């Protein structure tokens, strides 16, 4: 056994000749174990399984005959509230594992996982915990008091920040959060989300911003699952397809903004 390091006059160990451990590199910060084999969000069966789960627990609801009214005043035959997933450990675990797979497939290793307030926050926290990474969240707008932060947590210039969102509709809120991160000097290599309505407006917005978007499941997959399970009459699917093609026109035709 090697001799202990000499002690100084105060009885403290002399560390002057000790070798400092190497600082972790970005490539070594993720845990060596990848996501579970079953967590493959590119697999249509996995995407269908999550869509079925969202329908079953009521996180996504379809009602073409009695449309929902969004906060914007638009009428819609579909409503998504992914906060419901928080009450289902298996489902929220599958969401975390799917996000984990997306991150492992990226060309860059993220420094931080950030969530959009408020629904993206818990999923960002679970993903950051799994990846052993710092976590932050992005407010919809800066606070009007205190430090007037929009970013809560630490995001530094030069960092790579993966943004977690629960739902992509037009893409406006997610890309606003992306802009806040970029203003802090950081880069967003990707946005990951649970569900997308697959609106053309969102696709165009992400393309224009040059930010990749990855979703665990989407409108087309969910409608396919609902059709397979005979959850709605045939004409309801026609109405859903019409909404997907032109949400504004559909809303106006059904008394919405």
C-alpha atoms as a PDB file:
ATOM      1  CA  UNK A   1       0.000   0.000   0.000  1.00  0.00           C
ATOM      2  CA  UNK A   2       1.500   3.423  -0.922  1.00  0.00           C
ATOM      3  CA  UNK A   3       2.471   5.785   1.873  1.00  0.00           C
ATOM      4  CA  UNK A   4      -0.116   8.445   2.701  1.00  0.00           C
ATOM      5  CA  UNK A   5       0.490  11.991   1.522  1.00  0.00           C
ATOM      6  CA  UNK A   6       2.413  14.076   4.093  1.00  0.00           C
ATOM      7  CA  UNK A   7       0.423  16.357   6.341  1.00  0.00           C
ATOM      8  CA  UNK A   8       1.224  20.019   6.919  1.00  0.00           C
ATOM      9  CA  UNK A   9       1.611  21.672  10.314  1.00  0.00           C
ATOM     10  CA  UNK A  10      -2.144  22.033  10.740  1.00  0.00           C
ATOM     11  CA  UNK A  11      -2.761  18.339  10.138  1.00  0.00           C
ATOM     12  CA  UNK A  12      -4.203  18.870   6.624  1.00  0.00           C
ATOM     13  CA  UNK A  13      -3.166  16.640   3.746  1.00  0.00           C
ATOM     14  CA  UNK A  14      -0.742  18.312   1.320  1.00  0.00           C
ATOM     15  CA  UNK A  15      -2.382  18.175  -2.104  1.00  0.00           C
ATOM     16  CA  UNK A  16       0.304  20.207  -3.908  1.00  0.00           C
ATOM     17  CA  UNK A  17       1.611  17.199  -5.822  1.00  0.00           C
ATOM     18  CA  UNK A  18      -1.727  15.478  -6.317  1.00  0.00           C
ATOM     19  CA  UNK A  19      -2.871  14.955  -9.904  1.00  0.00           C
ATOM     20  CA  UNK A  20      -6.173  16.661 -10.724  1.00  0.00           C
ATOM     21  CA  UNK A  21      -8.758  14.403 -12.378  1.00  0.00           C
ATOM     22  CA  UNK A  22      -9.387  15.221 -16.035  1.00  0.00           C
ATOM     23  CA  UNK A  23     -12.356  17.458 -16.726  1.00  0.00           C
ATOM     24  CA  UNK A  24     -15.216  15.628 -18.429  1.00  0.00           C
ATOM     25  CA  UNK A  25     -15.506  16.198 -22.133  1.00  0.00           C
ATOM     26  CA  UNK A  26     -18.837  16.759 -23.837  1.00  0.00           C
ATOM     27  CA  UNK A  27     -18.654  13.295 -25.414  1.00  0.00           C
ATOM     28  CA  UNK A  28     -18.221  11.649 -22.000  1.00  0.00           C
ATOM     29  CA  UNK A  29     -21.055  13.376 -20.173  1.00  0.00           C
ATOM     30  CA  UNK A  30     -23.872  11.143 -21.334  1.00  0.00           C
ATOM     31  CA  UNK A  31     -24.180   7.853 -19.437  1.00  0.00           C
ATOM     32  CA  UNK A  32     -22.616   4.913 -21.301  1.00  0.00           C
ATOM     33  CA  UNK A  33     -25.883   2.989 -21.418  1.00  0.00           C
ATOM     34  CA  UNK A  34     -28.131   4.017 -24.282  1.00  0.00           C
ATOM     35  CA  UNK A  35     -31.925   4.084 -24.311  1.00  0.00           C
ATOM     36  CA  UNK A  36     -33.859   0.809 -24.034  1.00  0.00           C
ATOM     37  CA  UNK A  37     -34.049  -1.224 -27.236  1.00  0.00           C
ATOM     38  CA  UNK A  38     -37.831  -0.927 -27.343  1.00  0.00           C
ATOM     39  CA  UNK A  39     -37.620   2.877 -27.260  1.00  0.00           C
ATOM     40  CA  UNK A  40     -37.519   3.574 -30.974  1.00  0.00           C
ATOM     41  CA  UNK A  41     -39.703   6.556 -31.930  1.00  0.00           C
ATOM     42  CA  UNK A  42     -38.938   5.901 -35.606  1.00  0.00           C
ATOM     43  CA  UNK A  43     -40.751   2.558 -35.402  1.00  0.00           C
ATOM     44  CA  UNK A  44     -44.358   2.961 -36.550  1.00  0.00           C
ATOM     45  CA  UNK A  45     -45.525   0.446 -33.956  1.00  0.00           C
ATOM     46  CA  UNK A  46     -43.996   2.524 -31.151  1.00  0.00           C
ATOM     47  CA  UNK A  47     -45.594   5.663 -32.571  1.00  0.00           C
ATOM     48  CA  UNK A  48     -48.961   3.899 -32.795  1.00  0.00           C
ATOM     49  CA  UNK A  49     -48.622   2.567 -29.252  1.00  0.00           C
ATOM     50  CA  UNK A  50     -48.041   6.036 -27.834  1.00  0.00           C
ATOM     51  CA  UNK A  51     -50.896   7.477 -29.918  1.00  0.00           C
ATOM     52  CA  UNK A  52     -53.191   4.762 -28.562  1.00  0.00           C
ATOM     53  CA  UNK A  53     -52.069   5.573 -25.020  1.00  0.00           C
ATOM     54  CA  UNK A  54     -52.757   9.283 -25.501  1.00  0.00           C
ATOM     55  CA  UNK A  55     -56.257   8.506 -26.746  1.00  0.00           C
ATOM     56  CA  UNK A  56     -56.979   6.005 -23.986  1.00  0.00           C
ATOM     57  CA  UNK A  57     -56.005   8.324 -21.114  1.00  0.00           C
ATOM     58  CA  UNK A  58     -57.695  11.344 -22.671  1.00  0.00           C
ATOM     59  CA  UNK A  59     -54.523  13.326 -23.342  1.00  0.00           C
ATOM     60  CA  UNK A  60     -55.795  13.685 -26.905  1.00  0.00           C
ATOM     61  CA  UNK A  61     -59.521  13.907 -27.614  1.00  0.00           C
ATOM     62  CA  UNK A  62     -61.382  13.860 -30.932  1.00  0.00           C
ATOM     63  CA  UNK A  63     -64.761  15.547 -31.333  1.00  0.00           C
ATOM     64  CA  UNK A  64     -65.536  16.636 -34.921  1.00  0.00           C
ATOM     65  CA  UNK A  65     -69.283  16.837 -34.205  1.00  0.00           C
ATOM     66  CA  UNK A  66     -68.855  19.122 -31.187  1.00  0.00           C
ATOM     67  CA  UNK A  67     -65.590  21.050 -31.781  1.00  0.00           C
ATOM     68  CA  UNK A  68     -63.339  22.382 -29.069  1.00  0.00           C
ATOM     69  CA  UNK A  69     -62.548  26.084 -28.777  1.00  0.00           C
ATOM     70  CA  UNK A  70     -58.857  26.872 -28.464  1.00  0.00           C
ATOM     71  CA  UNK A  71     -57.598  29.857 -26.463  1.00  0.00           C
ATOM     72  CA  UNK A  72     -57.143  31.689 -29.785  1.00  0.00           C
ATOM     73  CA  UNK A  73     -60.879  31.370 -30.450  1.00  0.00           C
ATOM     74  CA  UNK A  74     -60.379  28.836 -33.239  1.00  0.00           C
ATOM     75  CA  UNK A  75     -62.638  25.811 -33.417  1.00  0.00           C
ATOM     76  CA  UNK A  76     -60.928  22.437 -33.673  1.00  0.00           C
ATOM     77  CA  UNK A  77     -62.029  18.782 -33.845  1.00  0.00           C
ATOM     78  CA  UNK A  78     -59.022  17.753 -31.754  1.00  0.00           C
ATOM     79  CA  UNK A  79     -57.708  18.806 -28.374  1.00  0.00           C
ATOM     80  CA  UNK A  80     -54.415  17.817 -26.770  1.00  0.00           C
ATOM     81  CA  UNK A  81     -53.480  18.139 -23.097  1.00  0.00           C
ATOM     82  CA  UNK A  82     -50.305  16.138 -22.531  1.00  0.00           C
ATOM     83  CA  UNK A  83     -50.215  17.158 -18.868  1.00  0.00           C
ATOM     84  CA  UNK A  84     -52.487  14.158 -18.381  1.00  0.00           C
ATOM     85  CA  UNK A  85     -49.478  11.905 -19.057  1.00  0.00           C
ATOM     86  CA  UNK A  86     -47.946  12.985 -15.750  1.00  0.00           C
ATOM     87  CA  UNK A  87     -50.382  10.709 -13.933  1.00  0.00           C
ATOM     88  CA  UNK A  88     -49.294   7.590 -15.816  1.00  0.00           C
ATOM     89  CA  UNK A  89     -45.774   6.382 -14.928  1.00  0.00           C
ATOM     90  CA  UNK A  90     -45.506   3.839 -17.763  1.00  0.00           C
ATOM     91  CA  UNK A  91     -46.515   6.380 -20.403  1.00  0.00           C
ATOM     92  CA  UNK A  92     -44.336   9.193 -19.122  1.00  0.00           C
ATOM     93  CA  UNK A  93     -41.474   6.683 -18.931  1.00  0.00           C
ATOM     94  CA  UNK A  94     -42.017   5.746 -22.574  1.00  0.00           C
ATOM     95  CA  UNK A  95     -41.953   9.447 -23.467  1.00  0.00           C
ATOM     96  CA  UNK A  96     -38.668   9.920 -21.613  1.00  0.00           C
ATOM     97  CA  UNK A  97     -37.140   6.874 -23.305  1.00  0.00           C
ATOM     98  CA  UNK A  98     -38.245   8.056 -26.739  1.00  0.00           C
ATOM     99  CA  UNK A  99     -36.656  11.451 -26.144  1.00  0.00           C
ATOM    100  CA  UNK A 100     -33.552   9.644 -24.901  1.00  0.00           C
ATOM    101  CA  UNK A 101     -33.317   7.809 -28.234  1.00  0.00           C
ATOM    102  CA  UNK A 102     -33.590  11.058 -30.196  1.00  0.00           C
ATOM    103  CA  UNK A 103     -30.759  12.623 -28.166  1.00  0.00           C
ATOM    104  CA  UNK A 104     -28.473   9.620 -28.620  1.00  0.00           C
ATOM    105  CA  UNK A 105     -28.917   9.822 -32.374  1.00  0.00           C
ATOM    106  CA  UNK A 106     -27.911  13.481 -32.587  1.00  0.00           C
ATOM    107  CA  UNK A 107     -24.614  14.559 -34.100  1.00  0.00           C
ATOM    108  CA  UNK A 108     -23.870  16.719 -31.064  1.00  0.00           C
ATOM    109  CA  UNK A 109     -23.925  15.999 -27.358  1.00  0.00           C
ATOM    110  CA  UNK A 110     -26.163  18.481 -25.528  1.00  0.00           C
ATOM    111  CA  UNK A 111     -24.933  20.470 -22.553  1.00  0.00           C
ATOM    112  CA  UNK A 112     -28.403  21.266 -21.179  1.00  0.00           C
ATOM    113  CA  UNK A 113     -31.960  19.985 -21.489  1.00  0.00           C
ATOM    114  CA  UNK A 114     -34.532  22.788 -21.407  1.00  0.00           C
ATOM    115  CA  UNK A 115     -38.297  22.550 -21.157  1.00  0.00           C
ATOM    116  CA  UNK A 116     -40.964  24.977 -22.309  1.00  0.00           C
ATOM    117  CA  UNK A 117     -43.171  26.331 -19.551  1.00  0.00           C
ATOM    118  CA  UNK A 118     -45.201  24.752 -18.333  1.00  0.00           C
ATOM    119  CA  UNK A 119     -46.053  21.409 -19.920  1.00  0.00           C
ATOM    120  CA  UNK A 120     -42.538  20.708 -21.194  1.00  0.00           C
ATOM    121  CA  UNK A 121     -40.907  21.169 -17.794  1.00  0.00           C
ATOM    122  CA  UNK A 122     -41.532  17.760 -16.166  1.00  0.00           C
ATOM    123  CA  UNK A 123     -40.546  15.821 -19.281  1.00  0.00           C
ATOM    124  CA  UNK A 124     -37.381  17.892 -19.603  1.00  0.00           C
ATOM    125  CA  UNK A 125     -36.574  17.160 -15.961  1.00  0.00           C
ATOM    126  CA  UNK A 126     -36.989  13.397 -16.402  1.00  0.00           C
ATOM    127  CA  UNK A 127     -34.885  13.437 -19.576  1.00  0.00           C
ATOM    128  CA  UNK A 128     -32.146  15.558 -17.981  1.00  0.00           C
ATOM    129  CA  UNK A 129     -32.070  13.196 -15.012  1.00  0.00           C
ATOM    130  CA  UNK A 130     -31.718  10.163 -17.286  1.00  0.00           C
ATOM    131  CA  UNK A 131     -28.910  11.861 -19.264  1.00  0.00           C
ATOM    132  CA  UNK A 132     -27.162  13.256 -16.156  1.00  0.00           C
ATOM    133  CA  UNK A 133     -27.366  16.755 -17.629  1.00  0.00           C
ATOM    134  CA  UNK A 134     -28.316  20.180 -16.243  1.00  0.00           C
ATOM    135  CA  UNK A 135     -31.899  21.267 -16.794  1.00  0.00           C
ATOM    136  CA  UNK A 136     -33.507  24.667 -17.368  1.00  0.00           C
ATOM    137  CA  UNK A 137     -36.867  25.948 -18.476  1.00  0.00           C
ATOM    138  CA  UNK A 138     -38.030  28.754 -20.723  1.00  0.00           C
ATOM    139  CA  UNK A 139     -40.903  31.002 -19.716  1.00  0.00           C
ATOM    140  CA  UNK A 140     -43.460  32.146 -22.258  1.00  0.00           C
ATOM    141  CA  UNK A 141     -42.258  35.671 -21.528  1.00  0.00           C
ATOM    142  CA  UNK A 142     -39.794  37.292 -19.165  1.00  0.00           C
ATOM    143  CA  UNK A 143     -40.889  37.974 -15.590  1.00  0.00           C
ATOM    144  CA  UNK A 144     -41.897  41.554 -14.879  1.00  0.00           C
ATOM    145  CA  UNK A 145     -40.171  41.552 -11.497  1.00  0.00           C
ATOM    146  CA  UNK A 146     -36.985  40.395  -9.818  1.00  0.00           C
ATOM    147  CA  UNK A 147     -34.281  39.563 -12.333  1.00  0.00           C
ATOM    148  CA  UNK A 148     -36.856  39.573 -15.124  1.00  0.00           C
ATOM    149  CA  UNK A 149     -35.631  36.196 -16.324  1.00  0.00           C
ATOM    150  CA  UNK A 150     -37.125  34.358 -19.213  1.00  0.00           C
ATOM    151  CA  UNK A 151     -34.684  31.470 -18.851  1.00  0.00           C
ATOM    152  CA  UNK A 152     -34.787  29.812 -15.428  1.00  0.00           C
ATOM    153  CA  UNK A 153     -31.694  27.771 -14.676  1.00  0.00           C
ATOM    154  CA  UNK A 154     -28.293  28.178 -16.268  1.00  0.00           C
ATOM    155  CA  UNK A 155     -27.854  28.414 -20.037  1.00  0.00           C
ATOM    156  CA  UNK A 156     -24.484  29.782 -21.113  1.00  0.00           C
ATOM    157  CA  UNK A 157     -23.115  31.116 -24.369  1.00  0.00           C
ATOM    158  CA  UNK A 158     -21.700  28.361 -26.577  1.00  0.00           C
ATOM    159  CA  UNK A 159     -23.770  25.569 -25.042  1.00  0.00           C
ATOM    160  CA  UNK A 160     -25.893  23.057 -26.963  1.00  0.00           C
ATOM    161  CA  UNK A 161     -29.444  23.010 -25.570  1.00  0.00           C
ATOM    162  CA  UNK A 162     -32.079  20.417 -26.475  1.00  0.00           C
ATOM    163  CA  UNK A 163     -35.556  21.892 -26.073  1.00  0.00           C
ATOM    164  CA  UNK A 164     -38.437  19.710 -24.854  1.00  0.00           C
ATOM    165  CA  UNK A 165     -41.995  20.671 -25.821  1.00  0.00           C
ATOM    166  CA  UNK A 166     -45.184  18.730 -25.166  1.00  0.00           C
ATOM    167  CA  UNK A 167     -47.197  19.777 -28.236  1.00  0.00           C
ATOM    168  CA  UNK A 168     -46.472  21.331 -31.611  1.00  0.00           C
ATOM    169  CA  UNK A 169     -49.395  23.194 -33.158  1.00  0.00           C
ATOM    170  CA  UNK A 170     -48.167  26.166 -35.221  1.00  0.00           C
ATOM    171  CA  UNK A 171     -44.684  25.947 -33.708  1.00  0.00           C
ATOM    172  CA  UNK A 172     -44.829  29.519 -32.449  1.00  0.00           C
ATOM    173  CA  UNK A 173     -44.301  28.885 -28.730  1.00  0.00           C
ATOM    174  CA  UNK A 174     -41.482  26.377 -29.236  1.00  0.00           C
ATOM    175  CA  UNK A 175     -39.629  28.615 -31.677  1.00  0.00           C
ATOM    176  CA  UNK A 176     -40.078  31.588 -29.357  1.00  0.00           C
ATOM    177  CA  UNK A 177     -38.296  29.534 -26.683  1.00  0.00           C
ATOM    178  CA  UNK A 178     -35.615  28.613 -29.224  1.00  0.00           C
ATOM    179  CA  UNK A 179     -35.096  32.315 -29.905  1.00  0.00           C
ATOM    180  CA  UNK A 180     -34.679  33.029 -26.183  1.00  0.00           C
ATOM    181  CA  UNK A 181     -31.998  30.336 -25.949  1.00  0.00           C
ATOM    182  CA  UNK A 182     -30.231  31.716 -29.013  1.00  0.00           C
ATOM    183  CA  UNK A 183     -30.308  35.211 -27.537  1.00  0.00           C
ATOM    184  CA  UNK A 184     -28.392  33.783 -24.578  1.00  0.00           C
ATOM    185  CA  UNK A 185     -25.675  32.728 -27.039  1.00  0.00           C
ATOM    186  CA  UNK A 186     -26.509  29.035 -27.000  1.00  0.00           C
ATOM    187  CA  UNK A 187     -27.454  26.732 -29.877  1.00  0.00           C
ATOM    188  CA  UNK A 188     -30.531  24.510 -30.182  1.00  0.00           C
ATOM    189  CA  UNK A 189     -29.593  21.374 -32.156  1.00  0.00           C
ATOM    190  CA  UNK A 190     -33.175  20.087 -31.989  1.00  0.00           C
ATOM    191  CA  UNK A 191     -36.628  20.434 -30.493  1.00  0.00           C
ATOM    192  CA  UNK A 192     -38.242  17.199 -29.280  1.00  0.00           C
ATOM    193  CA  UNK A 193     -41.980  16.968 -28.639  1.00  0.00           C
ATOM    194  CA  UNK A 194     -44.547  14.379 -27.630  1.00  0.00           C
ATOM    195  CA  UNK A 195     -47.184  15.137 -30.259  1.00  0.00           C
ATOM    196  CA  UNK A 196     -47.638  17.261 -33.374  1.00  0.00           C
ATOM    197  CA  UNK A 197     -50.787  18.307 -35.186  1.00  0.00           C
ATOM    198  CA  UNK A 198     -48.639  18.209 -38.366  1.00  0.00           C
ATOM    199  CA  UNK A 199     -49.850  21.593 -39.538  1.00  0.00           C
ATOM    200  CA  UNK A 200     -48.131  22.950 -42.633  1.00  0.00           C
ATOM    201  CA  UNK A 201     -47.616  26.247 -40.825  1.00  0.00           C
ATOM    202  CA  UNK A 202     -45.486  24.530 -38.186  1.00  0.00           C
ATOM    203  CA  UNK A 203     -43.383  22.653 -40.726  1.00  0.00           C
ATOM    204  CA  UNK A 204     -42.699  25.867 -42.606  1.00  0.00           C
ATOM    205  CA  UNK A 205     -41.824  27.711 -39.392  1.00  0.00           C
ATOM    206  CA  UNK A 206     -39.267  25.097 -38.308  1.00  0.00           C
ATOM    207  CA  UNK A 207     -37.818  24.910 -41.824  1.00  0.00           C
ATOM    208  CA  UNK A 208     -37.450  28.697 -41.900  1.00  0.00           C
ATOM    209  CA  UNK A 209     -35.784  28.679 -38.478  1.00  0.00           C
ATOM    210  CA  UNK A 210     -33.407  25.885 -39.481  1.00  0.00           C
ATOM    211  CA  UNK A 211     -34.208  23.922 -36.318  1.00  0.00           C
ATOM    212  CA  UNK A 212     -34.835  20.158 -36.550  1.00  0.00           C
ATOM    213  CA  UNK A 213     -38.045  18.907 -34.952  1.00  0.00           C
ATOM    214  CA  UNK A 214     -38.533  15.345 -33.703  1.00  0.00           C
ATOM    215  CA  UNK A 215     -41.882  14.100 -32.375  1.00  0.00           C
ATOM    216  CA  UNK A 216     -42.787  10.812 -30.721  1.00  0.00           C
ATOM    217  CA  UNK A 217     -46.136  10.584 -32.501  1.00  0.00           C
ATOM    218  CA  UNK A 218     -48.380  12.801 -34.596  1.00  0.00           C
ATOM    219  CA  UNK A 219     -51.815  13.567 -35.998  1.00  0.00           C
ATOM    220  CA  UNK A 220     -51.628  11.107 -38.928  1.00  0.00           C
ATOM    221  CA  UNK A 221     -50.594   8.234 -36.676  1.00  0.00           C
ATOM    222  CA  UNK A 222     -53.251   9.029 -34.099  1.00  0.00           C
ATOM    223  CA  UNK A 223     -56.019   9.178 -36.731  1.00  0.00           C
ATOM    224  CA  UNK A 224     -54.820   5.852 -38.135  1.00  0.00           C
ATOM    225  CA  UNK A 225     -55.038   4.322 -34.647  1.00  0.00           C
ATOM    226  CA  UNK A 226     -58.512   5.771 -34.054  1.00  0.00           C
ATOM    227  CA  UNK A 227     -59.665   4.422 -37.427  1.00  0.00           C
ATOM    228  CA  UNK A 228     -58.317   0.954 -36.630  1.00  0.00           C
ATOM    229  CA  UNK A 229     -60.114   0.971 -33.295  1.00  0.00           C
ATOM    230  CA  UNK A 230     -63.382   2.236 -34.819  1.00  0.00           C
ATOM    231  CA  UNK A 231     -63.572   5.068 -32.318  1.00  0.00           C
ATOM    232  CA  UNK A 232     -65.428   7.420 -34.679  1.00  0.00           C
ATOM    233  CA  UNK A 233     -67.901   7.241 -37.570  1.00  0.00           C
ATOM    234  CA  UNK A 234     -66.479   7.356 -41.092  1.00  0.00           C
ATOM    235  CA  UNK A 235     -67.604  10.934 -41.810  1.00  0.00           C
ATOM    236  CA  UNK A 236     -65.756  12.110 -38.703  1.00  0.00           C
ATOM    237  CA  UNK A 237     -62.450  11.103 -40.258  1.00  0.00           C
ATOM    238  CA  UNK A 238     -63.294  13.110 -43.364  1.00  0.00           C
ATOM    239  CA  UNK A 239     -63.867  16.141 -41.150  1.00  0.00           C
ATOM    240  CA  UNK A 240     -60.570  15.583 -39.341  1.00  0.00           C
ATOM    241  CA  UNK A 241     -58.742  15.360 -42.668  1.00  0.00           C
ATOM    242  CA  UNK A 242     -60.330  18.618 -43.807  1.00  0.00           C
ATOM    243  CA  UNK A 243     -59.211  20.331 -40.606  1.00  0.00           C
ATOM    244  CA  UNK A 244     -55.666  19.058 -41.074  1.00  0.00           C
ATOM    245  CA  UNK A 245     -55.523  20.563 -44.587  1.00  0.00           C
ATOM    246  CA  UNK A 246     -56.862  23.992 -43.611  1.00  0.00           C
ATOM    247  CA  UNK A 247     -57.475  24.602 -39.897  1.00  0.00           C
ATOM    248  CA  UNK A 248     -58.481  28.247 -40.382  1.00  0.00           C
ATOM    249  CA  UNK A 249     -61.131  27.469 -43.016  1.00  0.00           C
ATOM    250  CA  UNK A 250     -62.446  24.548 -40.939  1.00  0.00           C
ATOM    251  CA  UNK A 251     -62.702  26.790 -37.888  1.00  0.00           C
ATOM    252  CA  UNK A 252     -64.568  29.506 -39.761  1.00  0.00           C
ATOM    253  CA  UNK A 253     -66.996  26.948 -41.187  1.00  0.00           C
ATOM    254  CA  UNK A 254     -67.759  25.749 -37.661  1.00  0.00           C
ATOM    255  CA  UNK A 255     -68.279  29.170 -36.065  1.00  0.00           C
ATOM    256  CA  UNK A 256     -64.784  29.797 -34.795  1.00  0.00           C
ATOM    257  CA  UNK A 257     -62.302  32.623 -35.212  1.00  0.00           C
END
